[in-house]
C-alpha atoms as a PDB file:
ATOM      1  CA  UNK A   1      55.183 -12.306 -78.801  1.00  0.00           C
ATOM      2  CA  UNK A   2      51.941 -11.508 -76.757  1.00  0.00           C
ATOM      3  CA  UNK A   3      52.653 -12.770 -73.146  1.00  0.00           C
ATOM      4  CA  UNK A   4      49.849 -15.928 -72.188  1.00  0.00           C
ATOM      5  CA  UNK A   5      47.109 -14.691 -69.760  1.00  0.00           C
ATOM      6  CA  UNK A   6      47.084 -16.250 -66.572  1.00  0.00           C
ATOM      7  CA  UNK A   7      43.605 -17.589 -66.602  1.00  0.00           C
ATOM      8  CA  UNK A   8      43.822 -19.009 -62.801  1.00  0.00           C
ATOM      9  CA  UNK A   9      45.139 -15.180 -61.731  1.00  0.00           C
ATOM     10  CA  UNK A  10      42.439 -13.182 -63.942  1.00  0.00           C
ATOM     11  CA  UNK A  11      39.884 -15.941 -61.841  1.00  0.00           C
ATOM     12  CA  UNK A  12      41.263 -14.747 -58.464  1.00  0.00           C
ATOM     13  CA  UNK A  13      41.275 -11.442 -59.281  1.00  0.00           C
ATOM     14  CA  UNK A  14      37.672 -11.410 -60.764  1.00  0.00           C
ATOM     15  CA  UNK A  15      36.478 -12.986 -57.303  1.00  0.00           C
ATOM     16  CA  UNK A  16      38.206 -10.671 -55.238  1.00  0.00           C
ATOM     17  CA  UNK A  17      36.509  -7.600 -56.794  1.00  0.00           C
ATOM     18  CA  UNK A  18      33.303  -9.120 -56.764  1.00  0.00           C
ATOM     19  CA  UNK A  19      33.689  -9.895 -52.738  1.00  0.00           C
ATOM     20  CA  UNK A  20      34.558  -6.514 -52.550  1.00  0.00           C
ATOM     21  CA  UNK A  21      31.457  -4.950 -54.534  1.00  0.00           C
ATOM     22  CA  UNK A  22      29.445  -7.574 -52.765  1.00  0.00           C
ATOM     23  CA  UNK A  23      30.706  -6.265 -49.135  1.00  0.00           C
ATOM     24  CA  UNK A  24      29.772  -2.551 -49.954  1.00  0.00           C
ATOM     25  CA  UNK A  25      26.539  -3.645 -51.449  1.00  0.00           C
ATOM     26  CA  UNK A  26      25.796  -4.858 -47.714  1.00  0.00           C
ATOM     27  CA  UNK A  27      26.934  -1.981 -45.847  1.00  0.00           C
ATOM     28  CA  UNK A  28      25.260   0.276 -47.827  1.00  0.00           C
ATOM     29  CA  UNK A  29      21.920  -1.845 -47.355  1.00  0.00           C
ATOM     30  CA  UNK A  30      22.591  -2.054 -43.671  1.00  0.00           C
ATOM     31  CA  UNK A  31      23.314   1.629 -43.144  1.00  0.00           C
ATOM     32  CA  UNK A  32      20.109   2.482 -44.728  1.00  0.00           C
ATOM     33  CA  UNK A  33      18.074  -0.113 -42.907  1.00  0.00           C
ATOM     34  CA  UNK A  34      16.289   1.441 -39.491  1.00  0.00           C
ATOM     35  CA  UNK A  35      17.118   0.146 -36.058  1.00  0.00           C
ATOM     36  CA  UNK A  36      15.548  -3.244 -35.329  1.00  0.00           C
ATOM     37  CA  UNK A  37      12.928  -2.922 -32.217  1.00  0.00           C
ATOM     38  CA  UNK A  38      12.559  -5.733 -30.419  1.00  0.00           C
ATOM     39  CA  UNK A  39       9.004  -6.345 -28.492  1.00  0.00           C
ATOM     40  CA  UNK A  40       9.529  -6.053 -24.736  1.00  0.00           C
ATOM     41  CA  UNK A  41       6.440  -7.302 -22.428  1.00  0.00           C
ATOM     42  CA  UNK A  42       5.582  -4.494 -20.055  1.00  0.00           C
ATOM     43  CA  UNK A  43       5.287  -5.855 -16.740  1.00  0.00           C
ATOM     44  CA  UNK A  44       1.897  -5.912 -15.044  1.00  0.00           C
ATOM     45  CA  UNK A  45       0.578  -6.541 -11.769  1.00  0.00           C
ATOM     46  CA  UNK A  46      -2.917  -8.171 -10.853  1.00  0.00           C
ATOM     47  CA  UNK A  47      -5.291  -5.576  -8.939  1.00  0.00           C
ATOM     48  CA  UNK A  48      -5.138  -6.215  -5.006  1.00  0.00           C
ATOM     49  CA  UNK A  49      -8.444  -6.385  -3.619  1.00  0.00           C
ATOM     50  CA  UNK A  50      -7.872  -4.367  -0.472  1.00  0.00           C
ATOM     51  CA  UNK A  51      -8.399  -6.039   2.876  1.00  0.00           C
ATOM     52  CA  UNK A  52     -10.405  -3.816   5.413  1.00  0.00           C
ATOM     53  CA  UNK A  53     -12.564  -5.017   8.147  1.00  0.00           C
ATOM     54  CA  UNK A  54     -13.893  -4.018  11.763  1.00  0.00           C
ATOM     55  CA  UNK A  55     -16.115  -5.619  14.139  1.00  0.00           C
ATOM     56  CA  UNK A  56     -16.674  -4.629  17.691  1.00  0.00           C
ATOM     57  CA  UNK A  57     -19.418  -4.845  20.150  1.00  0.00           C
ATOM     58  CA  UNK A  58     -21.349  -1.805  21.266  1.00  0.00           C
ATOM     59  CA  UNK A  59     -23.480  -0.509  24.094  1.00  0.00           C
ATOM     60  CA  UNK A  60     -24.893   3.044  24.933  1.00  0.00           C
ATOM     61  CA  UNK A  61     -25.296   4.838  21.764  1.00  0.00           C
ATOM     62  CA  UNK A  62     -25.286   1.769  19.580  1.00  0.00           C
ATOM     63  CA  UNK A  63     -26.380  -1.498  20.401  1.00  0.00           C
ATOM     64  CA  UNK A  64     -25.397  -4.854  19.697  1.00  0.00           C
ATOM     65  CA  UNK A  65     -22.381  -6.568  17.734  1.00  0.00           C
ATOM     66  CA  UNK A  66     -21.454  -4.343  14.605  1.00  0.00           C
ATOM     67  CA  UNK A  67     -19.246  -4.637  11.470  1.00  0.00           C
ATOM     68  CA  UNK A  68     -17.715  -2.845   8.947  1.00  0.00           C
ATOM     69  CA  UNK A  69     -16.243  -3.543   5.442  1.00  0.00           C
ATOM     70  CA  UNK A  70     -14.124  -1.868   3.171  1.00  0.00           C
ATOM     71  CA  UNK A  71     -16.400  -2.474  -0.188  1.00  0.00           C
ATOM     72  CA  UNK A  72     -14.733  -4.424  -2.627  1.00  0.00           C
ATOM     73  CA  UNK A  73     -12.413  -2.577  -4.986  1.00  0.00           C
ATOM     74  CA  UNK A  74     -11.731   0.020  -2.594  1.00  0.00           C
ATOM     75  CA  UNK A  75      -8.072   1.978  -2.665  1.00  0.00           C
ATOM     76  CA  UNK A  76      -6.434   1.182   0.928  1.00  0.00           C
ATOM     77  CA  UNK A  77      -7.171   3.890   3.409  1.00  0.00           C
ATOM     78  CA  UNK A  78      -5.291   2.408   6.175  1.00  0.00           C
ATOM     79  CA  UNK A  79      -1.388   3.646   6.769  1.00  0.00           C
ATOM     80  CA  UNK A  80       1.404   3.181   8.391  1.00  0.00           C
ATOM     81  CA  UNK A  81       3.823   6.471   8.434  1.00  0.00           C
ATOM     82  CA  UNK A  82       7.154   5.381   8.810  1.00  0.00           C
ATOM     83  CA  UNK A  83       9.272   8.184  10.338  1.00  0.00           C
ATOM     84  CA  UNK A  84      12.767   9.001  11.344  1.00  0.00           C
ATOM     85  CA  UNK A  85      12.242   6.835  14.476  1.00  0.00           C
ATOM     86  CA  UNK A  86       9.132   5.549  15.257  1.00  0.00           C
ATOM     87  CA  UNK A  87       5.897   4.788  12.881  1.00  0.00           C
ATOM     88  CA  UNK A  88       2.263   5.868  13.137  1.00  0.00           C
ATOM     89  CA  UNK A  89      -0.241   3.606  12.393  1.00  0.00           C
ATOM     90  CA  UNK A  90      -3.957   4.545  10.810  1.00  0.00           C
ATOM     91  CA  UNK A  91      -6.670   2.216  10.597  1.00  0.00           C
ATOM     92  CA  UNK A  92      -9.615   3.532   8.701  1.00  0.00           C
ATOM     93  CA  UNK A  93     -12.341   1.503   7.463  1.00  0.00           C
ATOM     94  CA  UNK A  94     -15.656   3.041   5.771  1.00  0.00           C
ATOM     95  CA  UNK A  95     -18.582   1.394   4.261  1.00  0.00           C
ATOM     96  CA  UNK A  96     -22.108   2.782   3.278  1.00  0.00           C
ATOM     97  CA  UNK A  97     -23.332   2.722   6.783  1.00  0.00           C
ATOM     98  CA  UNK A  98     -20.480   3.458   9.003  1.00  0.00           C
ATOM     99  CA  UNK A  99     -16.905   5.119   9.321  1.00  0.00           C
ATOM    100  CA  UNK A 100     -13.899   3.937  11.509  1.00  0.00           C
ATOM    101  CA  UNK A 101     -10.695   5.217  12.499  1.00  0.00           C
ATOM    102  CA  UNK A 102      -8.024   4.333  14.731  1.00  0.00           C
ATOM    103  CA  UNK A 103      -4.895   6.157  15.635  1.00  0.00           C
ATOM    104  CA  UNK A 104      -1.840   4.766  17.539  1.00  0.00           C
ATOM    105  CA  UNK A 105       1.620   7.164  17.801  1.00  0.00           C
ATOM    106  CA  UNK A 106       4.417   5.723  18.040  1.00  0.00           C
ATOM    107  CA  UNK A 107       3.475   2.318  16.877  1.00  0.00           C
ATOM    108  CA  UNK A 108       6.101   0.070  17.735  1.00  0.00           C
ATOM    109  CA  UNK A 109       4.807  -3.036  16.641  1.00  0.00           C
ATOM    110  CA  UNK A 110       2.940  -6.363  17.995  1.00  0.00           C
ATOM    111  CA  UNK A 111       2.085  -5.401  21.661  1.00  0.00           C
ATOM    112  CA  UNK A 112      -0.848  -4.116  23.815  1.00  0.00           C
ATOM    113  CA  UNK A 113      -1.036  -0.179  24.607  1.00  0.00           C
ATOM    114  CA  UNK A 114      -2.919   2.100  26.632  1.00  0.00           C
ATOM    115  CA  UNK A 115      -4.202   4.730  24.146  1.00  0.00           C
ATOM    116  CA  UNK A 116      -4.733   8.392  24.979  1.00  0.00           C
ATOM    117  CA  UNK A 117      -6.647  11.012  23.074  1.00  0.00           C
ATOM    118  CA  UNK A 118      -4.411  13.061  20.661  1.00  0.00           C
ATOM    119  CA  UNK A 119      -1.857  15.654  22.529  1.00  0.00           C
ATOM    120  CA  UNK A 120       0.252  17.878  21.101  1.00  0.00           C
ATOM    121  CA  UNK A 121       3.324  17.533  23.204  1.00  0.00           C
ATOM    122  CA  UNK A 122       2.381  13.592  24.692  1.00  0.00           C
ATOM    123  CA  UNK A 123       4.644  12.265  27.641  1.00  0.00           C
ATOM    124  CA  UNK A 124       7.709  10.349  26.608  1.00  0.00           C
ATOM    125  CA  UNK A 125       6.843   7.006  26.554  1.00  0.00           C
ATOM    126  CA  UNK A 126       3.401   7.207  26.461  1.00  0.00           C
ATOM    127  CA  UNK A 127       0.758   6.035  23.032  1.00  0.00           C
ATOM    128  CA  UNK A 128      -1.492   8.551  21.716  1.00  0.00           C
ATOM    129  CA  UNK A 129      -3.874   9.250  18.880  1.00  0.00           C
ATOM    130  CA  UNK A 130      -7.855   8.671  18.216  1.00  0.00           C
ATOM    131  CA  UNK A 131     -10.444   5.937  17.938  1.00  0.00           C
ATOM    132  CA  UNK A 132     -13.858   7.982  16.058  1.00  0.00           C
ATOM    133  CA  UNK A 133     -17.193   5.902  15.469  1.00  0.00           C
ATOM    134  CA  UNK A 134     -19.693   7.237  12.994  1.00  0.00           C
ATOM    135  CA  UNK A 135     -22.946   5.635  11.842  1.00  0.00           C
ATOM    136  CA  UNK A 136     -23.685   8.870   9.798  1.00  0.00           C
ATOM    137  CA  UNK A 137     -26.003  10.203  12.058  1.00  0.00           C
ATOM    138  CA  UNK A 138     -24.195  10.609  15.302  1.00  0.00           C
ATOM    139  CA  UNK A 139     -20.553  10.852  15.901  1.00  0.00           C
ATOM    140  CA  UNK A 140     -18.118   9.470  18.877  1.00  0.00           C
ATOM    141  CA  UNK A 141     -14.470   9.912  19.759  1.00  0.00           C
ATOM    142  CA  UNK A 142     -12.103   9.398  22.215  1.00  0.00           C
ATOM    143  CA  UNK A 143     -11.641  12.395  24.644  1.00  0.00           C
ATOM    144  CA  UNK A 144     -10.006  12.930  28.322  1.00  0.00           C
ATOM    145  CA  UNK A 145      -9.542  11.569  30.663  1.00  0.00           C
ATOM    146  CA  UNK A 146     -10.705   8.283  28.735  1.00  0.00           C
ATOM    147  CA  UNK A 147      -8.318   5.634  27.357  1.00  0.00           C
ATOM    148  CA  UNK A 148      -8.840   2.993  25.032  1.00  0.00           C
ATOM    149  CA  UNK A 149      -6.367  -0.561  24.882  1.00  0.00           C
ATOM    150  CA  UNK A 150      -4.962  -1.444  21.806  1.00  0.00           C
ATOM    151  CA  UNK A 151      -3.116  -4.570  20.824  1.00  0.00           C
ATOM    152  CA  UNK A 152      -1.426  -5.365  17.564  1.00  0.00           C
ATOM    153  CA  UNK A 153      -1.416  -9.093  17.116  1.00  0.00           C
ATOM    154  CA  UNK A 154       0.353  -8.981  13.786  1.00  0.00           C
ATOM    155  CA  UNK A 155       2.254  -6.775  11.256  1.00  0.00           C
ATOM    156  CA  UNK A 156       3.032  -8.757   7.968  1.00  0.00           C
ATOM    157  CA  UNK A 157       4.595  -7.426   5.275  1.00  0.00           C
ATOM    158  CA  UNK A 158       2.590  -8.738   2.100  1.00  0.00           C
ATOM    159  CA  UNK A 159       5.563  -7.978  -1.018  1.00  0.00           C
ATOM    160  CA  UNK A 160       2.476  -6.255  -3.025  1.00  0.00           C
ATOM    161  CA  UNK A 161       1.809  -3.026  -3.722  1.00  0.00           C
ATOM    162  CA  UNK A 162      -1.424  -0.818  -3.967  1.00  0.00           C
ATOM    163  CA  UNK A 163      -1.616   3.012  -5.392  1.00  0.00           C
ATOM    164  CA  UNK A 164       2.451   2.690  -5.792  1.00  0.00           C
ATOM    165  CA  UNK A 165       3.157   1.837  -2.419  1.00  0.00           C
ATOM    166  CA  UNK A 166       4.074  -1.395  -0.269  1.00  0.00           C
ATOM    167  CA  UNK A 167       1.210  -3.156   1.644  1.00  0.00           C
ATOM    168  CA  UNK A 168       1.281  -4.716   5.330  1.00  0.00           C
ATOM    169  CA  UNK A 169      -1.421  -6.593   6.658  1.00  0.00           C
ATOM    170  CA  UNK A 170      -2.163  -5.496  10.260  1.00  0.00           C
ATOM    171  CA  UNK A 171      -4.171  -7.423  12.621  1.00  0.00           C
ATOM    172  CA  UNK A 172      -5.416  -6.253  15.979  1.00  0.00           C
ATOM    173  CA  UNK A 173      -8.033  -5.808  18.928  1.00  0.00           C
ATOM    174  CA  UNK A 174      -9.261  -3.131  20.825  1.00  0.00           C
ATOM    175  CA  UNK A 175     -11.750  -1.796  23.583  1.00  0.00           C
ATOM    176  CA  UNK A 176     -13.024   1.816  24.961  1.00  0.00           C
ATOM    177  CA  UNK A 177     -14.805   1.950  27.789  1.00  0.00           C
ATOM    178  CA  UNK A 178     -16.255   5.145  26.814  1.00  0.00           C
ATOM    179  CA  UNK A 179     -16.159   7.200  23.569  1.00  0.00           C
ATOM    180  CA  UNK A 180     -17.679  10.466  24.201  1.00  0.00           C
ATOM    181  CA  UNK A 181     -20.945  12.043  21.770  1.00  0.00           C
ATOM    182  CA  UNK A 182     -19.186  14.559  19.054  1.00  0.00           C
ATOM    183  CA  UNK A 183     -22.301  14.719  16.931  1.00  0.00           C
ATOM    184  CA  UNK A 184     -25.627  13.959  17.427  1.00  0.00           C
ATOM    185  CA  UNK A 185     -27.940  12.992  20.587  1.00  0.00           C
ATOM    186  CA  UNK A 186     -27.026   9.622  21.167  1.00  0.00           C
ATOM    187  CA  UNK A 187     -25.353   8.862  24.415  1.00  0.00           C
ATOM    188  CA  UNK A 188     -21.786   7.794  25.037  1.00  0.00           C
ATOM    189  CA  UNK A 189     -20.327   4.535  23.530  1.00  0.00           C
ATOM    190  CA  UNK A 190     -18.867   1.774  24.943  1.00  0.00           C
ATOM    191  CA  UNK A 191     -16.654  -0.427  22.928  1.00  0.00           C
ATOM    192  CA  UNK A 192     -15.439  -4.253  23.885  1.00  0.00           C
ATOM    193  CA  UNK A 193     -14.309  -7.234  21.659  1.00  0.00           C
ATOM    194  CA  UNK A 194     -13.090  -4.748  18.734  1.00  0.00           C
ATOM    195  CA  UNK A 195     -11.165  -6.333  16.314  1.00  0.00           C
ATOM    196  CA  UNK A 196      -9.635  -4.948  12.800  1.00  0.00           C
ATOM    197  CA  UNK A 197      -7.823  -6.759   9.823  1.00  0.00           C
ATOM    198  CA  UNK A 198      -6.755  -4.320   7.238  1.00  0.00           C
ATOM    199  CA  UNK A 199      -4.231  -3.983   4.352  1.00  0.00           C
ATOM    200  CA  UNK A 200      -2.317  -0.727   5.306  1.00  0.00           C
ATOM    201  CA  UNK A 201       0.238   1.150   2.645  1.00  0.00           C
ATOM    202  CA  UNK A 202       3.216   2.022   4.227  1.00  0.00           C
ATOM    203  CA  UNK A 203       4.630   5.142   3.571  1.00  0.00           C
ATOM    204  CA  UNK A 204       7.656   7.593   4.372  1.00  0.00           C
ATOM    205  CA  UNK A 205      11.042   6.405   4.755  1.00  0.00           C
END
């Protein structure tokens, strides 16, 4: 006499086979599917409008109160070069009418310093560098035995970058009793009430 087929057992086996087949199909479909790409936002930073202004009162080869402003959109030209033990400040502001440069080495930060003309072997504890002004017709700069007084009133990290480098805002003042004529036929230059406010690239260590 033939055995009765257990209907319940058959249904369970059929369901199990369906689950196995369905799982295999799902695995194959997943394996054939390419990797999912998720769009990610690229971090961007807003362009920084670089500040660069210099003003001073001149007598001699130039006369009166003069100012130089870095054109809007111009890259930063001023810098703070960090070395192993000290820093060098370079203030550079140029526009269509005039060029200005001031270098201070070392630049310890806020304070008032007597700036001597650049020397290859400066005396320990001295501050040397350069001051140069040009109106594109004549050029004046600091030469021995003349000196300038430079005051750094603030040096503030901005937590911004330009040209891939951090920026500091440096403010200060300067006076130069005599800048000698380098080119042109103008008289020597005396500078009082000098002021500067620049964004400076922080370079080096």
